[in-house]
Amino acid sequence: MAGLLEGRRALVTGGTRGIGRAIAERLRDGGAAVTVTATGAAARPPEGCAYRAVDFGDRDATIAFAKDVEGMDLDILVNNAGTNRVGPFEDYPLDEFERVLRVNLTAPFLLCRAVIKPMKRNRWGRIVNIASLWSVMAKERRSGYTASKFAIDGMTATLAADVAEFGILANCVSPGFIRTDLSVRNLGEAALAELATRVPVRRLGTTEEIAALVAFLAGPENTYITGQNIVIDGGYSRSRG
């Protein structure tokens, strides 16, 4: 990957931890000039990456940031930032449902829209939207999250059809069960070990594996893959049950 992205400019949202951080580091190591976002001003960006603090749950802040993005002349956009709220459908708060959609769907829409003009002008661009296993299957108590991830798949397919003739390729990547610091903290080692037994390859995925796929889709070696939702889940979604 070294050098393949030399001279390219990339934005990775949610790029200070977990999957987003691994993606940012992979693109940086490939030679790209990478900017990452996170919500808090105290977040720690990967070494060598520029940083912008933005709360995608705040509509006005997102619109303002998207306006800035229009002038960044980006070659690569990775929409990774996301949020979730778990709860039973009948009691799911409307404000939380709307916030999940603002972060997981509306913000990527605004940023995708912001990068299209410069990418068209340059006749080259790569957009990767990080969806989820829950963009191809459903699970109880995740109405907002699942709705947003199914929707970003459809949005990406439409975007890809709109811009392909200009050399812009857009895809979704949908991770399955991935080992991150957050998953360890939230679930614990015992629960993660049990979860791994349900995956055909008998382990959780790594952030580096997701980053490798994203880097391929975002780089010059990808010349013909667009409009796809690529699930990377160790075979779980095709063999469960």
Protein backbone atom coordinates (compact mmCIF):
# COMPACT_ATOMS: atom_id res chain seq x y z
CA MET A 1 0.00 0.00 0.00
CA ALA A 2 3.00 2.29 0.60
CA GLY A 3 3.03 5.17 -1.84
CA LEU A 4 -0.16 4.28 -3.70
CA LEU A 5 -1.98 7.24 -2.17
CA GLU A 6 0.84 9.75 -2.47
CA GLY A 7 -0.60 13.20 -3.15
CA ARG A 8 -4.16 12.19 -2.25
CA ARG A 9 -6.20 14.04 0.38
CA ALA A 10 -8.49 12.02 2.63
CA LEU A 11 -11.08 12.68 5.33
CA VAL A 12 -12.00 9.95 7.83
CA THR A 13 -14.84 10.80 10.23
CA GLY A 14 -14.68 9.19 13.64
CA GLY A 15 -11.00 8.65 12.99
CA THR A 16 -9.49 8.78 16.47
CA ARG A 17 -10.35 5.30 17.76
CA GLY A 18 -11.31 1.80 16.72
CA ILE A 19 -12.05 1.12 13.07
CA GLY A 20 -11.81 4.77 12.07
CA ARG A 21 -8.36 5.16 13.59
CA ALA A 22 -7.10 2.03 11.83
CA ILE A 23 -8.46 3.35 8.50
CA ALA A 24 -6.82 6.74 8.99
CA GLU A 25 -3.48 5.13 9.83
CA ARG A 26 -3.67 2.82 6.82
CA LEU A 27 -4.42 5.70 4.43
CA ARG A 28 -1.68 7.80 6.02
CA ASP A 29 0.82 4.96 5.63
CA GLY A 30 -0.19 4.77 1.97
CA GLY A 31 0.94 8.34 1.48
CA ALA A 32 -2.34 10.25 1.81
CA ALA A 33 -2.69 13.52 3.71
CA VAL A 34 -5.39 12.53 6.19
CA THR A 35 -7.76 14.63 8.27
CA VAL A 36 -9.80 12.91 10.98
CA THR A 37 -12.78 14.03 13.04
CA ALA A 38 -14.16 13.23 16.46
CA THR A 39 -16.66 14.88 18.74
CA GLY A 40 -14.41 16.17 21.49
CA ALA A 41 -11.62 18.72 21.29
CA ALA A 42 -9.54 16.48 23.59
CA ALA A 43 -9.58 13.47 21.23
CA ARG A 44 -6.19 12.06 20.22
CA PRO A 45 -5.76 11.86 16.42
CA PRO A 46 -3.35 9.39 14.82
CA GLU A 47 0.18 10.68 14.45
CA GLY A 48 0.63 12.71 11.29
CA CYS A 49 -3.10 13.31 10.77
CA ALA A 50 -4.85 16.68 10.94
CA TYR A 51 -7.81 16.93 13.31
CA ARG A 52 -11.20 18.63 13.33
CA ALA A 53 -13.67 18.48 16.21
CA VAL A 54 -17.28 18.25 15.05
CA ASP A 55 -20.46 16.86 16.60
CA PHE A 56 -22.47 15.23 13.82
CA GLY A 57 -25.47 15.10 16.14
CA ASP A 58 -25.62 18.89 15.84
CA ARG A 59 -27.29 19.76 12.54
CA ASP A 60 -25.89 23.28 12.30
CA ALA A 61 -22.35 22.15 13.17
CA THR A 62 -22.55 19.43 10.52
CA ILE A 63 -23.76 21.86 7.84
CA ALA A 64 -20.94 24.26 8.72
CA PHE A 65 -18.35 21.50 8.58
CA ALA A 66 -19.68 20.25 5.24
CA LYS A 67 -19.23 23.77 3.90
CA ASP A 68 -15.58 23.65 4.99
CA VAL A 69 -15.19 20.24 3.35
CA GLU A 70 -16.22 21.72 0.00
CA GLY A 71 -12.98 23.70 0.00
CA MET A 72 -10.69 20.85 1.08
CA ASP A 73 -10.41 19.40 -2.45
CA LEU A 74 -10.64 15.84 -1.15
CA ASP A 75 -9.86 12.74 -3.16
CA ILE A 76 -11.07 10.23 -0.55
CA LEU A 77 -13.97 10.40 1.90
CA VAL A 78 -14.57 7.71 4.52
CA ASN A 79 -17.75 8.22 6.55
CA ASN A 80 -17.07 6.16 9.65
CA ALA A 81 -18.51 8.21 12.53
CA GLY A 82 -21.58 6.60 14.04
CA THR A 83 -23.76 6.28 17.10
CA ASN A 84 -26.27 3.81 18.49
CA ARG A 85 -29.13 3.67 20.96
CA VAL A 86 -30.50 0.29 22.03
CA GLY A 87 -34.07 -0.09 23.24
CA PRO A 88 -37.43 -1.76 22.58
CA PHE A 89 -39.27 -0.46 19.53
CA GLU A 90 -42.41 0.64 21.40
CA ASP A 91 -40.40 2.76 23.85
CA TYR A 92 -37.68 4.06 21.51
CA PRO A 93 -37.50 7.85 22.04
CA LEU A 94 -38.18 9.91 18.94
CA ASP A 95 -35.38 12.36 19.71
CA GLU A 96 -32.88 9.50 19.99
CA PHE A 97 -34.14 7.95 16.74
CA GLU A 98 -33.67 11.28 14.99
CA ARG A 99 -30.21 11.79 16.51
CA VAL A 100 -29.04 8.35 15.31
CA LEU A 101 -30.22 9.24 11.81
CA ARG A 102 -28.49 12.65 11.94
CA VAL A 103 -25.14 11.09 12.83
CA ASN A 104 -25.32 7.87 10.80
CA LEU A 105 -27.15 9.05 7.68
CA THR A 106 -27.63 12.80 7.36
CA ALA A 107 -23.99 13.66 8.11
CA PRO A 108 -22.65 11.20 5.51
CA PHE A 109 -25.19 12.57 3.00
CA LEU A 110 -23.98 16.13 3.57
CA LEU A 111 -20.29 15.18 3.37
CA CYS A 112 -20.80 13.06 0.24
CA ARG A 113 -22.58 15.99 -1.36
CA ALA A 114 -19.74 18.33 -0.33
CA VAL A 115 -16.99 16.30 -2.03
CA ILE A 116 -18.71 15.59 -5.34
CA LYS A 117 -17.87 18.88 -7.10
CA PRO A 118 -14.10 18.74 -6.54
CA MET A 119 -14.03 15.03 -7.32
CA LYS A 120 -15.90 15.67 -10.56
CA ARG A 121 -13.48 18.43 -11.43
CA ASN A 122 -10.53 16.10 -10.82
CA ARG A 123 -12.26 13.17 -12.58
CA TRP A 124 -11.28 10.94 -9.67
CA GLY A 125 -12.70 10.20 -6.26
CA ARG A 126 -13.34 7.41 -3.79
CA ILE A 127 -16.11 7.38 -1.18
CA VAL A 128 -16.45 4.60 1.39
CA ASN A 129 -19.36 4.65 3.81
CA ILE A 130 -18.98 2.39 6.82
CA ALA A 131 -22.29 0.60 7.28
CA SER A 132 -22.63 -2.50 9.46
CA LEU A 133 -23.66 -6.12 9.60
CA TRP A 134 -26.98 -4.56 10.58
CA SER A 135 -27.33 -3.10 7.10
CA VAL A 136 -28.07 -6.56 5.68
CA MET A 137 -29.81 -8.21 8.63
CA ALA A 138 -31.77 -7.06 11.65
CA LYS A 139 -31.56 -7.51 15.38
CA GLU A 140 -34.03 -6.65 18.12
CA ARG A 141 -33.79 -3.34 20.00
CA ARG A 142 -31.81 -1.58 17.27
CA SER A 143 -34.52 0.20 15.27
CA GLY A 144 -32.68 3.50 14.84
CA TYR A 145 -29.27 2.00 14.11
CA THR A 146 -30.56 -0.63 11.71
CA ALA A 147 -32.75 1.89 9.89
CA SER A 148 -29.76 4.19 9.43
CA LYS A 149 -27.48 1.44 8.15
CA PHE A 150 -29.99 -0.01 5.69
CA ALA A 151 -30.55 3.55 4.49
CA ILE A 152 -26.88 4.38 3.98
CA ASP A 153 -26.56 1.31 1.76
CA GLY A 154 -29.39 2.58 -0.45
CA MET A 155 -28.00 6.10 -0.45
CA THR A 156 -24.57 4.84 -1.48
CA ALA A 157 -26.01 2.78 -4.34
CA THR A 158 -27.78 5.88 -5.68
CA LEU A 159 -24.69 8.04 -5.23
CA ALA A 160 -22.56 5.52 -7.10
CA ALA A 161 -24.96 5.54 -10.03
CA ASP A 162 -24.96 9.34 -10.12
CA VAL A 163 -21.19 9.87 -10.18
CA ALA A 164 -19.58 6.80 -11.75
CA GLU A 165 -19.12 8.44 -15.15
CA PHE A 166 -16.90 11.07 -13.52
CA GLY A 167 -14.38 8.56 -12.19
CA ILE A 168 -15.90 8.57 -8.68
CA LEU A 169 -16.49 5.19 -7.04
CA ALA A 170 -18.68 4.85 -3.94
CA ASN A 171 -19.17 1.76 -1.79
CA CYS A 172 -20.25 0.60 1.64
CA VAL A 173 -18.16 -1.60 3.90
CA SER A 174 -20.16 -3.49 6.52
CA PRO A 175 -18.11 -4.87 9.43
CA GLY A 176 -19.35 -7.76 11.51
CA PHE A 177 -18.14 -8.43 15.03
CA ILE A 178 -14.86 -6.55 15.39
CA ARG A 179 -12.57 -6.49 18.39
CA THR A 180 -12.04 -2.90 19.51
CA ASP A 181 -11.21 -1.23 22.81
CA LEU A 182 -14.85 -0.15 23.01
CA SER A 183 -16.20 -3.68 22.46
CA VAL A 184 -13.87 -5.03 25.16
CA ARG A 185 -14.95 -2.31 27.57
CA ASN A 186 -18.67 -2.70 26.86
CA LEU A 187 -18.93 -6.49 26.63
CA GLY A 188 -15.93 -7.95 28.41
CA GLU A 189 -13.60 -10.72 27.36
CA ALA A 190 -15.94 -13.60 28.27
CA ALA A 191 -18.81 -12.25 26.16
CA LEU A 192 -16.48 -11.58 23.22
CA ALA A 193 -15.11 -15.12 23.42
CA GLU A 194 -18.65 -16.52 23.32
CA LEU A 195 -19.52 -14.25 20.41
CA ALA A 196 -16.52 -15.53 18.48
CA THR A 197 -17.89 -19.08 18.62
CA ARG A 198 -20.82 -17.98 16.44
CA VAL A 199 -18.53 -16.76 13.65
CA PRO A 200 -17.50 -19.44 11.11
CA VAL A 201 -13.81 -18.42 11.28
CA ARG A 202 -14.09 -18.73 15.09
CA ARG A 203 -12.70 -15.32 15.94
CA LEU A 204 -13.62 -11.66 15.88
CA GLY A 205 -12.39 -9.43 13.11
CA THR A 206 -9.67 -6.84 13.61
CA THR A 207 -9.71 -3.15 12.86
CA GLU A 208 -6.71 -3.68 10.59
CA GLU A 209 -8.71 -6.10 8.42
CA ILE A 210 -11.44 -3.52 7.95
CA ALA A 211 -8.85 -0.84 7.19
CA ALA A 212 -7.19 -3.01 4.54
CA LEU A 213 -10.49 -3.45 2.68
CA VAL A 214 -11.34 0.24 2.93
CA ALA A 215 -7.87 1.22 1.70
CA PHE A 216 -8.26 -0.99 -1.36
CA LEU A 217 -11.66 0.47 -2.22
CA ALA A 218 -10.34 3.99 -1.63
CA GLY A 219 -7.20 3.56 -3.72
CA PRO A 220 -6.14 3.46 -7.36
CA GLU A 221 -6.20 -0.35 -7.53
CA ASN A 222 -9.99 -0.21 -7.31
CA THR A 223 -11.09 0.75 -10.80
CA TYR A 224 -14.42 -1.08 -11.23
CA ILE A 225 -16.09 -1.75 -7.85
CA THR A 226 -18.84 0.74 -7.10
CA GLY A 227 -22.34 0.75 -5.66
CA GLN A 228 -21.62 -2.29 -3.51
CA ASN A 229 -22.16 -3.14 0.14
CA ILE A 230 -19.25 -5.42 1.04
CA VAL A 231 -19.82 -7.37 4.24
CA ILE A 232 -16.68 -8.38 6.15
CA ASP A 233 -17.88 -10.59 8.98
CA GLY A 234 -16.00 -13.91 8.91
CA GLY A 235 -18.95 -15.57 7.17
CA TYR A 236 -21.48 -14.87 9.92
CA SER A 237 -24.29 -13.33 7.85
CA ARG A 238 -24.19 -16.10 5.22
CA SER A 239 -24.21 -19.03 7.64
CA ARG A 240 -26.06 -18.06 10.81
CA GLY A 241 -28.75 -20.34 12.12
